[in-house]
Amino acid sequence: MKIGSIVSTDLTGPHAEELKKFYQQVIGWESEDLTMKDESGAYSDYIMKDKEGNWVAGVCHSRGPNKDLPSQWIVYIQVDNVAESIQKCKELGGKILKESINSDGLHQYALLEDPYGAVLAIKKSIE
């Protein structure tokens, strides 16, 4: 993926099952369960696919790793270095809403809010 490309989209909300069904009917997407786990146990988020079986989006419950995310579509944009982008966001008046760091101590992604309130996510994909 090229730096600056939109690499994925996720919708997080309190009614993911109903949202999944809505987008299946309105857009024609198929879904595949994605097993997740939180302090209450296992549950399913959803990988949404087009008619050819290609992954196009995620529909997620507002729980587990997504419990503090705003209920909206979030685009993930490819960056070269998540930590550097986080620092630049802060310097330019943006906010860091969430950071995800893997077991190696490296950033997987971050959820940012620009100075005017728009929310986006950044990530560095491993090729």
N, C-alpha and C. Protein backbone atom coordinates (compact mmCIF):
# COMPACT_ATOMS: atom_id res chain seq x y z
N MET A 1 0.83 -1.19 0.00
CA MET A 1 0.00 0.00 0.00
C MET A 1 0.87 1.25 0.00
N LYS A 2 0.42 2.25 -0.70
CA LYS A 2 1.14 3.52 -0.76
C LYS A 2 0.84 4.36 0.47
N ILE A 3 1.85 5.12 0.93
CA ILE A 3 1.66 6.04 2.03
C ILE A 3 0.57 7.04 1.63
N GLY A 4 -0.38 7.27 2.52
CA GLY A 4 -1.49 8.18 2.25
C GLY A 4 -2.73 7.48 1.71
N SER A 5 -2.63 6.20 1.40
CA SER A 5 -3.79 5.46 0.89
C SER A 5 -4.74 5.09 2.00
N ILE A 6 -6.02 5.09 1.69
CA ILE A 6 -7.01 4.54 2.62
C ILE A 6 -6.92 3.03 2.50
N VAL A 7 -6.59 2.38 3.63
CA VAL A 7 -6.34 0.94 3.59
C VAL A 7 -7.48 0.11 4.16
N SER A 8 -8.36 0.73 4.93
CA SER A 8 -9.51 0.00 5.45
C SER A 8 -10.50 0.98 6.07
N THR A 9 -11.70 0.46 6.36
CA THR A 9 -12.73 1.23 7.04
C THR A 9 -13.41 0.33 8.03
N ASP A 10 -13.78 0.89 9.17
CA ASP A 10 -14.52 0.15 10.19
C ASP A 10 -15.65 1.01 10.70
N LEU A 11 -16.75 0.37 10.99
CA LEU A 11 -17.87 1.02 11.66
C LEU A 11 -18.00 0.37 13.02
N THR A 12 -17.89 1.16 14.06
CA THR A 12 -18.07 0.67 15.42
C THR A 12 -19.36 1.27 15.96
N GLY A 13 -20.17 0.44 16.61
CA GLY A 13 -21.42 0.93 17.16
C GLY A 13 -21.99 -0.01 18.20
N PRO A 14 -22.95 0.47 18.96
CA PRO A 14 -23.53 -0.35 20.03
C PRO A 14 -24.44 -1.47 19.52
N HIS A 15 -24.80 -1.45 18.26
CA HIS A 15 -25.73 -2.46 17.72
C HIS A 15 -25.14 -3.08 16.46
N ALA A 16 -23.96 -3.69 16.58
CA ALA A 16 -23.23 -4.20 15.42
C ALA A 16 -24.03 -5.24 14.64
N GLU A 17 -24.75 -6.10 15.33
CA GLU A 17 -25.54 -7.14 14.64
C GLU A 17 -26.56 -6.49 13.70
N GLU A 18 -27.27 -5.47 14.19
CA GLU A 18 -28.26 -4.78 13.37
C GLU A 18 -27.58 -3.99 12.26
N LEU A 19 -26.45 -3.35 12.56
CA LEU A 19 -25.71 -2.61 11.55
C LEU A 19 -25.23 -3.53 10.44
N LYS A 20 -24.74 -4.71 10.82
CA LYS A 20 -24.30 -5.69 9.83
C LYS A 20 -25.44 -6.02 8.87
N LYS A 21 -26.61 -6.31 9.42
CA LYS A 21 -27.77 -6.64 8.59
C LYS A 21 -28.19 -5.48 7.71
N PHE A 22 -28.14 -4.26 8.26
CA PHE A 22 -28.48 -3.06 7.49
C PHE A 22 -27.61 -2.97 6.24
N TYR A 23 -26.28 -3.08 6.41
CA TYR A 23 -25.37 -2.94 5.28
C TYR A 23 -25.44 -4.13 4.33
N GLN A 24 -25.78 -5.29 4.83
CA GLN A 24 -25.99 -6.43 3.94
C GLN A 24 -27.15 -6.13 2.99
N GLN A 25 -28.22 -5.57 3.52
CA GLN A 25 -29.40 -5.31 2.70
C GLN A 25 -29.24 -4.06 1.83
N VAL A 26 -28.66 -3.00 2.37
CA VAL A 26 -28.54 -1.75 1.62
C VAL A 26 -27.44 -1.82 0.56
N ILE A 27 -26.29 -2.37 0.91
CA ILE A 27 -25.14 -2.39 0.01
C ILE A 27 -25.01 -3.72 -0.73
N GLY A 28 -25.45 -4.80 -0.10
CA GLY A 28 -25.31 -6.12 -0.70
C GLY A 28 -24.07 -6.87 -0.24
N TRP A 29 -23.47 -6.38 0.85
CA TRP A 29 -22.29 -7.06 1.38
C TRP A 29 -22.65 -8.38 2.02
N GLU A 30 -21.71 -9.29 2.03
CA GLU A 30 -21.77 -10.54 2.78
C GLU A 30 -21.01 -10.30 4.09
N SER A 31 -21.17 -11.20 5.07
CA SER A 31 -20.41 -11.01 6.31
C SER A 31 -19.77 -12.31 6.75
N GLU A 32 -18.70 -12.16 7.50
CA GLU A 32 -18.00 -13.29 8.10
C GLU A 32 -17.73 -12.92 9.55
N ASP A 33 -18.03 -13.81 10.46
CA ASP A 33 -17.78 -13.54 11.88
C ASP A 33 -16.28 -13.48 12.15
N LEU A 34 -15.91 -12.56 13.03
CA LEU A 34 -14.54 -12.44 13.50
C LEU A 34 -14.61 -12.53 15.02
N THR A 35 -14.10 -13.60 15.59
CA THR A 35 -14.19 -13.83 17.03
C THR A 35 -13.31 -12.83 17.78
N MET A 36 -13.93 -12.18 18.75
CA MET A 36 -13.26 -11.20 19.60
C MET A 36 -13.45 -11.64 21.04
N LYS A 37 -12.71 -11.03 21.96
CA LYS A 37 -12.82 -11.39 23.37
C LYS A 37 -12.63 -10.14 24.22
N ASP A 38 -13.43 -10.02 25.27
CA ASP A 38 -13.22 -8.96 26.26
C ASP A 38 -13.44 -9.57 27.64
N GLU A 39 -13.52 -8.70 28.65
CA GLU A 39 -13.66 -9.20 30.03
C GLU A 39 -14.95 -9.98 30.24
N SER A 40 -15.95 -9.80 29.37
CA SER A 40 -17.22 -10.53 29.50
C SER A 40 -17.22 -11.84 28.73
N GLY A 41 -16.21 -12.09 27.91
CA GLY A 41 -16.14 -13.33 27.15
C GLY A 41 -16.02 -13.09 25.66
N ALA A 42 -16.30 -14.15 24.90
CA ALA A 42 -16.17 -14.09 23.45
C ALA A 42 -17.43 -13.51 22.80
N TYR A 43 -17.23 -12.83 21.69
CA TYR A 43 -18.32 -12.29 20.88
C TYR A 43 -17.81 -12.16 19.45
N SER A 44 -18.68 -11.82 18.51
CA SER A 44 -18.28 -11.69 17.12
C SER A 44 -18.43 -10.26 16.62
N ASP A 45 -17.38 -9.76 16.00
CA ASP A 45 -17.46 -8.60 15.13
C ASP A 45 -17.58 -9.18 13.73
N TYR A 46 -17.64 -8.30 12.71
CA TYR A 46 -17.94 -8.81 11.37
C TYR A 46 -17.00 -8.24 10.33
N ILE A 47 -16.50 -9.12 9.49
CA ILE A 47 -15.76 -8.73 8.30
C ILE A 47 -16.79 -8.66 7.18
N MET A 48 -16.90 -7.52 6.55
CA MET A 48 -17.86 -7.34 5.47
C MET A 48 -17.14 -7.54 4.14
N LYS A 49 -17.78 -8.31 3.24
CA LYS A 49 -17.16 -8.67 1.97
C LYS A 49 -18.09 -8.34 0.82
N ASP A 50 -17.47 -8.05 -0.34
CA ASP A 50 -18.28 -7.84 -1.53
C ASP A 50 -18.71 -9.20 -2.09
N LYS A 51 -19.46 -9.20 -3.17
CA LYS A 51 -20.00 -10.45 -3.75
C LYS A 51 -18.92 -11.40 -4.23
N GLU A 52 -17.72 -10.87 -4.50
CA GLU A 52 -16.60 -11.73 -4.92
C GLU A 52 -15.81 -12.27 -3.73
N GLY A 53 -16.21 -11.91 -2.51
CA GLY A 53 -15.53 -12.39 -1.32
C GLY A 53 -14.37 -11.53 -0.86
N ASN A 54 -14.20 -10.35 -1.45
CA ASN A 54 -13.13 -9.45 -1.05
C ASN A 54 -13.53 -8.66 0.19
N TRP A 55 -12.60 -8.55 1.14
CA TRP A 55 -12.83 -7.78 2.35
C TRP A 55 -12.97 -6.31 1.99
N VAL A 56 -14.04 -5.65 2.47
CA VAL A 56 -14.26 -4.24 2.16
C VAL A 56 -14.39 -3.37 3.41
N ALA A 57 -14.77 -3.94 4.55
CA ALA A 57 -14.98 -3.14 5.76
C ALA A 57 -15.13 -4.05 6.97
N GLY A 58 -15.13 -3.43 8.12
CA GLY A 58 -15.44 -4.12 9.36
C GLY A 58 -16.63 -3.46 10.03
N VAL A 59 -17.47 -4.26 10.67
CA VAL A 59 -18.55 -3.74 11.51
C VAL A 59 -18.30 -4.33 12.89
N CYS A 60 -18.11 -3.44 13.87
CA CYS A 60 -17.62 -3.85 15.19
C CYS A 60 -18.53 -3.38 16.31
N HIS A 61 -18.61 -4.20 17.35
CA HIS A 61 -19.33 -3.83 18.57
C HIS A 61 -18.53 -2.79 19.35
N SER A 62 -19.21 -1.93 20.06
CA SER A 62 -18.57 -0.95 20.95
C SER A 62 -18.19 -1.63 22.26
N ARG A 63 -17.28 -2.56 22.18
CA ARG A 63 -16.79 -3.27 23.35
C ARG A 63 -15.40 -3.81 23.06
N GLY A 64 -14.78 -4.41 24.06
CA GLY A 64 -13.42 -4.91 23.87
C GLY A 64 -12.49 -3.79 23.43
N PRO A 65 -11.66 -4.04 22.43
CA PRO A 65 -10.72 -2.99 22.00
C PRO A 65 -11.41 -1.78 21.38
N ASN A 66 -12.69 -1.89 21.06
CA ASN A 66 -13.43 -0.79 20.43
C ASN A 66 -14.35 -0.05 21.39
N LYS A 67 -14.27 -0.33 22.68
CA LYS A 67 -15.25 0.22 23.62
C LYS A 67 -15.22 1.75 23.72
N ASP A 68 -14.09 2.38 23.45
CA ASP A 68 -14.01 3.83 23.57
C ASP A 68 -14.04 4.55 22.22
N LEU A 69 -14.27 3.81 21.14
CA LEU A 69 -14.29 4.44 19.82
C LEU A 69 -15.63 5.13 19.58
N PRO A 70 -15.60 6.24 18.84
CA PRO A 70 -16.86 6.90 18.51
C PRO A 70 -17.70 6.03 17.58
N SER A 71 -19.00 6.17 17.64
CA SER A 71 -19.91 5.40 16.80
C SER A 71 -20.03 6.09 15.45
N GLN A 72 -19.14 5.70 14.53
CA GLN A 72 -19.09 6.29 13.20
C GLN A 72 -18.18 5.44 12.32
N TRP A 73 -18.24 5.70 11.01
CA TRP A 73 -17.28 5.08 10.10
C TRP A 73 -15.92 5.72 10.34
N ILE A 74 -14.90 4.88 10.43
CA ILE A 74 -13.54 5.37 10.61
C ILE A 74 -12.69 4.83 9.46
N VAL A 75 -11.99 5.73 8.76
CA VAL A 75 -11.07 5.31 7.71
C VAL A 75 -9.68 5.15 8.31
N TYR A 76 -8.97 4.14 7.84
CA TYR A 76 -7.59 3.91 8.24
C TYR A 76 -6.70 4.30 7.07
N ILE A 77 -5.75 5.19 7.33
CA ILE A 77 -4.86 5.71 6.30
C ILE A 77 -3.44 5.22 6.57
N GLN A 78 -2.79 4.76 5.52
CA GLN A 78 -1.43 4.24 5.59
C GLN A 78 -0.44 5.36 5.86
N VAL A 79 0.40 5.20 6.87
CA VAL A 79 1.49 6.14 7.14
C VAL A 79 2.80 5.37 7.19
N ASP A 80 3.89 6.10 7.11
CA ASP A 80 5.21 5.48 7.15
C ASP A 80 5.60 5.11 8.57
N ASN A 81 5.22 5.95 9.55
CA ASN A 81 5.63 5.73 10.93
C ASN A 81 4.51 6.26 11.84
N VAL A 82 3.82 5.36 12.52
CA VAL A 82 2.68 5.75 13.35
C VAL A 82 3.11 6.69 14.48
N ALA A 83 4.21 6.37 15.15
CA ALA A 83 4.67 7.21 16.27
C ALA A 83 4.99 8.64 15.81
N GLU A 84 5.63 8.77 14.66
CA GLU A 84 5.95 10.11 14.15
C GLU A 84 4.67 10.86 13.77
N SER A 85 3.71 10.17 13.19
CA SER A 85 2.45 10.82 12.83
C SER A 85 1.68 11.26 14.07
N ILE A 86 1.74 10.46 15.14
CA ILE A 86 1.10 10.83 16.40
C ILE A 86 1.71 12.12 16.94
N GLN A 87 3.03 12.19 16.93
CA GLN A 87 3.72 13.38 17.44
C GLN A 87 3.36 14.60 16.62
N LYS A 88 3.33 14.47 15.29
CA LYS A 88 3.00 15.59 14.41
C LYS A 88 1.56 16.02 14.64
N CYS A 89 0.65 15.08 14.86
CA CYS A 89 -0.75 15.39 15.15
C CYS A 89 -0.85 16.27 16.40
N LYS A 90 -0.14 15.89 17.44
CA LYS A 90 -0.15 16.67 18.68
C LYS A 90 0.40 18.08 18.45
N GLU A 91 1.51 18.17 17.73
CA GLU A 91 2.15 19.46 17.47
C GLU A 91 1.23 20.41 16.71
N LEU A 92 0.36 19.84 15.86
CA LEU A 92 -0.50 20.66 15.00
C LEU A 92 -1.88 20.89 15.59
N GLY A 93 -2.07 20.53 16.87
CA GLY A 93 -3.33 20.81 17.55
C GLY A 93 -4.36 19.71 17.50
N GLY A 94 -3.98 18.54 17.00
CA GLY A 94 -4.90 17.40 17.01
C GLY A 94 -4.86 16.66 18.33
N LYS A 95 -5.73 15.68 18.47
CA LYS A 95 -5.80 14.87 19.69
C LYS A 95 -5.57 13.40 19.34
N ILE A 96 -5.02 12.67 20.28
CA ILE A 96 -4.86 11.23 20.15
C ILE A 96 -5.97 10.60 20.97
N LEU A 97 -6.88 9.90 20.31
CA LEU A 97 -8.01 9.29 21.00
C LEU A 97 -7.69 7.88 21.47
N LYS A 98 -6.82 7.19 20.74
CA LYS A 98 -6.47 5.82 21.11
C LYS A 98 -5.19 5.44 20.39
N GLU A 99 -4.34 4.69 21.08
CA GLU A 99 -3.14 4.12 20.48
C GLU A 99 -3.15 2.63 20.73
N SER A 100 -2.74 1.86 19.75
CA SER A 100 -2.61 0.42 19.91
C SER A 100 -1.16 0.05 19.68
N ILE A 101 -0.56 -0.56 20.68
CA ILE A 101 0.85 -0.94 20.62
C ILE A 101 0.94 -2.45 20.74
N ASN A 102 1.68 -3.09 19.83
CA ASN A 102 1.78 -4.55 19.86
C ASN A 102 2.75 -5.02 20.93
N SER A 103 2.91 -6.32 21.05
CA SER A 103 3.76 -6.89 22.10
C SER A 103 5.24 -6.54 21.93
N ASP A 104 5.65 -6.12 20.72
CA ASP A 104 7.02 -5.69 20.48
C ASP A 104 7.24 -4.22 20.84
N GLY A 105 6.18 -3.55 21.30
CA GLY A 105 6.29 -2.15 21.67
C GLY A 105 6.14 -1.20 20.50
N LEU A 106 5.72 -1.71 19.35
CA LEU A 106 5.54 -0.88 18.17
C LEU A 106 4.07 -0.52 17.99
N HIS A 107 3.82 0.68 17.49
CA HIS A 107 2.44 1.10 17.24
C HIS A 107 1.84 0.28 16.10
N GLN A 108 0.63 -0.23 16.31
CA GLN A 108 -0.11 -0.89 15.25
C GLN A 108 -0.98 0.12 14.52
N TYR A 109 -1.66 0.94 15.31
CA TYR A 109 -2.49 1.99 14.73
C TYR A 109 -2.77 3.03 15.80
N ALA A 110 -3.36 4.14 15.37
CA ALA A 110 -3.79 5.18 16.31
C ALA A 110 -5.04 5.84 15.76
N LEU A 111 -5.90 6.24 16.65
CA LEU A 111 -7.11 6.96 16.31
C LEU A 111 -6.88 8.43 16.66
N LEU A 112 -7.01 9.30 15.67
CA LEU A 112 -6.71 10.71 15.83
C LEU A 112 -7.94 11.57 15.62
N GLU A 113 -7.92 12.75 16.20
CA GLU A 113 -8.93 13.77 15.92
C GLU A 113 -8.18 15.00 15.44
N ASP A 114 -8.56 15.49 14.26
CA ASP A 114 -7.88 16.68 13.75
C ASP A 114 -8.32 17.91 14.54
N PRO A 115 -7.67 19.06 14.33
CA PRO A 115 -8.00 20.25 15.12
C PRO A 115 -9.45 20.72 14.99
N TYR A 116 -10.18 20.23 13.99
CA TYR A 116 -11.56 20.67 13.77
C TYR A 116 -12.58 19.60 14.12
N GLY A 117 -12.13 18.48 14.71
CA GLY A 117 -13.04 17.47 15.23
C GLY A 117 -13.25 16.23 14.38
N ALA A 118 -12.69 16.17 13.17
CA ALA A 118 -12.85 14.97 12.34
C ALA A 118 -11.96 13.86 12.88
N VAL A 119 -12.48 12.63 12.87
CA VAL A 119 -11.77 11.47 13.40
C VAL A 119 -11.29 10.59 12.26
N LEU A 120 -10.06 10.10 12.36
CA LEU A 120 -9.49 9.17 11.41
C LEU A 120 -8.54 8.24 12.16
N ALA A 121 -8.13 7.18 11.49
CA ALA A 121 -7.15 6.28 12.07
C ALA A 121 -5.97 6.18 11.13
N ILE A 122 -4.80 5.96 11.70
CA ILE A 122 -3.60 5.75 10.91
C ILE A 122 -3.00 4.41 11.27
N LYS A 123 -2.36 3.79 10.31
CA LYS A 123 -1.71 2.51 10.57
C LYS A 123 -0.57 2.33 9.60
N LYS A 124 0.33 1.47 9.97
CA LYS A 124 1.39 1.06 9.07
C LYS A 124 1.21 -0.44 8.84
N SER A 125 0.90 -0.78 7.62
CA SER A 125 0.72 -2.19 7.28
C SER A 125 2.06 -2.85 7.09
N ILE A 126 2.14 -4.08 7.47
CA ILE A 126 3.35 -4.86 7.27
C ILE A 126 3.14 -5.65 5.99
N GLU A 127 3.99 -5.44 5.03
CA GLU A 127 3.87 -6.10 3.72
C GLU A 127 4.53 -7.45 3.76
